[in-house]
């Protein structure tokens, strides 16, 4: 099973730059928590789970979003 999710936001790099400039910058835990959950599923369910996070760029070279691919196998 392959699942793909695309986000047409500003991209991870630019989002990180904006966060670092914020006076109230907090460290995002979303990606870390997701990795931990996937690892837990691998161990407890015995699934082969692979993930990729891909930064997307427009024809002008500017960030145009992010794509996440999850592959689940037996």
C-alpha atoms as a PDB file:
ATOM      1  CA  UNK A   1       0.000   0.000   0.000  1.00  0.00           C
ATOM      2  CA  UNK A   2       1.396   3.398  -0.981  1.00  0.00           C
ATOM      3  CA  UNK A   3      -0.043   6.663   0.331  1.00  0.00           C
ATOM      4  CA  UNK A   4       1.006  10.088  -0.908  1.00  0.00           C
ATOM      5  CA  UNK A   5       0.040  13.405   0.643  1.00  0.00           C
ATOM      6  CA  UNK A   6       0.955  16.722  -0.949  1.00  0.00           C
ATOM      7  CA  UNK A   7       0.847  20.096   0.733  1.00  0.00           C
ATOM      8  CA  UNK A   8       1.031  23.250  -1.364  1.00  0.00           C
ATOM      9  CA  UNK A   9       2.389  25.397   1.444  1.00  0.00           C
ATOM     10  CA  UNK A  10       5.620  27.379   1.617  1.00  0.00           C
ATOM     11  CA  UNK A  11       7.833  24.321   2.127  1.00  0.00           C
ATOM     12  CA  UNK A  12       9.833  23.071   5.094  1.00  0.00           C
ATOM     13  CA  UNK A  13      12.887  25.270   4.570  1.00  0.00           C
ATOM     14  CA  UNK A  14      10.963  28.546   4.417  1.00  0.00           C
ATOM     15  CA  UNK A  15       8.705  27.492   7.297  1.00  0.00           C
ATOM     16  CA  UNK A  16      11.807  26.774   9.383  1.00  0.00           C
ATOM     17  CA  UNK A  17      13.274  30.156   8.509  1.00  0.00           C
ATOM     18  CA  UNK A  18      10.084  31.935   9.551  1.00  0.00           C
ATOM     19  CA  UNK A  19       9.984  30.000  12.813  1.00  0.00           C
ATOM     20  CA  UNK A  20      13.579  30.854  13.643  1.00  0.00           C
ATOM     21  CA  UNK A  21      12.800  34.570  13.253  1.00  0.00           C
ATOM     22  CA  UNK A  22       9.795  34.370  15.573  1.00  0.00           C
ATOM     23  CA  UNK A  23      10.331  35.640  19.099  1.00  0.00           C
ATOM     24  CA  UNK A  24       8.208  32.796  20.443  1.00  0.00           C
ATOM     25  CA  UNK A  25       9.760  30.039  18.333  1.00  0.00           C
ATOM     26  CA  UNK A  26       8.903  26.594  19.615  1.00  0.00           C
ATOM     27  CA  UNK A  27      10.457  23.435  18.281  1.00  0.00           C
ATOM     28  CA  UNK A  28       7.998  21.500  16.150  1.00  0.00           C
ATOM     29  CA  UNK A  29       7.543  17.958  17.370  1.00  0.00           C
ATOM     30  CA  UNK A  30       5.289  16.719  14.550  1.00  0.00           C
ATOM     31  CA  UNK A  31       7.937  14.980  12.446  1.00  0.00           C
ATOM     32  CA  UNK A  32       9.689  13.466  15.462  1.00  0.00           C
ATOM     33  CA  UNK A  33       6.428  12.110  16.883  1.00  0.00           C
ATOM     34  CA  UNK A  34       5.472  10.675  13.501  1.00  0.00           C
ATOM     35  CA  UNK A  35       8.835   8.891  13.179  1.00  0.00           C
ATOM     36  CA  UNK A  36       8.387   7.452  16.681  1.00  0.00           C
ATOM     37  CA  UNK A  37       4.872   6.222  15.866  1.00  0.00           C
ATOM     38  CA  UNK A  38       6.036   4.594  12.638  1.00  0.00           C
ATOM     39  CA  UNK A  39       8.872   2.856  14.480  1.00  0.00           C
ATOM     40  CA  UNK A  40       6.442   1.615  17.128  1.00  0.00           C
ATOM     41  CA  UNK A  41       4.154   0.217  14.392  1.00  0.00           C
ATOM     42  CA  UNK A  42       7.157  -1.492  12.761  1.00  0.00           C
ATOM     43  CA  UNK A  43       8.125  -3.196  15.996  1.00  0.00           C
ATOM     44  CA  UNK A  44       4.700  -4.117  17.352  1.00  0.00           C
ATOM     45  CA  UNK A  45       2.883  -4.996  14.122  1.00  0.00           C
ATOM     46  CA  UNK A  46       5.842  -6.382  12.204  1.00  0.00           C
ATOM     47  CA  UNK A  47       5.086  -4.164   9.219  1.00  0.00           C
ATOM     48  CA  UNK A  48       7.610  -2.916   6.719  1.00  0.00           C
ATOM     49  CA  UNK A  49       6.902   0.828   6.800  1.00  0.00           C
ATOM     50  CA  UNK A  50       8.956   3.286   4.796  1.00  0.00           C
ATOM     51  CA  UNK A  51       8.495   7.031   4.644  1.00  0.00           C
ATOM     52  CA  UNK A  52       9.879   9.830   2.508  1.00  0.00           C
ATOM     53  CA  UNK A  53       9.495  13.576   2.858  1.00  0.00           C
ATOM     54  CA  UNK A  54      10.146  15.452  -0.394  1.00  0.00           C
ATOM     55  CA  UNK A  55      10.423  19.215  -0.757  1.00  0.00           C
ATOM     56  CA  UNK A  56       8.612  20.415  -3.885  1.00  0.00           C
ATOM     57  CA  UNK A  57       9.750  23.314  -6.069  1.00  0.00           C
ATOM     58  CA  UNK A  58       8.045  25.224  -8.860  1.00  0.00           C
ATOM     59  CA  UNK A  59       9.528  25.805 -12.305  1.00  0.00           C
ATOM     60  CA  UNK A  60      10.971  29.068 -10.972  1.00  0.00           C
ATOM     61  CA  UNK A  61      12.920  27.171  -8.291  1.00  0.00           C
ATOM     62  CA  UNK A  62      10.870  28.546  -5.419  1.00  0.00           C
ATOM     63  CA  UNK A  63       9.450  26.166  -2.784  1.00  0.00           C
ATOM     64  CA  UNK A  64       5.938  25.041  -3.670  1.00  0.00           C
ATOM     65  CA  UNK A  65       5.131  22.579  -0.905  1.00  0.00           C
ATOM     66  CA  UNK A  66       5.962  19.176   0.494  1.00  0.00           C
ATOM     67  CA  UNK A  67       5.093  15.600  -0.437  1.00  0.00           C
ATOM     68  CA  UNK A  68       5.057  12.741   2.057  1.00  0.00           C
ATOM     69  CA  UNK A  69       5.057   9.136   0.837  1.00  0.00           C
ATOM     70  CA  UNK A  70       4.263   6.215   3.154  1.00  0.00           C
ATOM     71  CA  UNK A  71       4.755   2.652   1.936  1.00  0.00           C
ATOM     72  CA  UNK A  72       3.277  -0.180   3.989  1.00  0.00           C
ATOM     73  CA  UNK A  73       4.153  -3.797   3.340  1.00  0.00           C
ATOM     74  CA  UNK A  74       3.841  -7.155   5.076  1.00  0.00           C
END
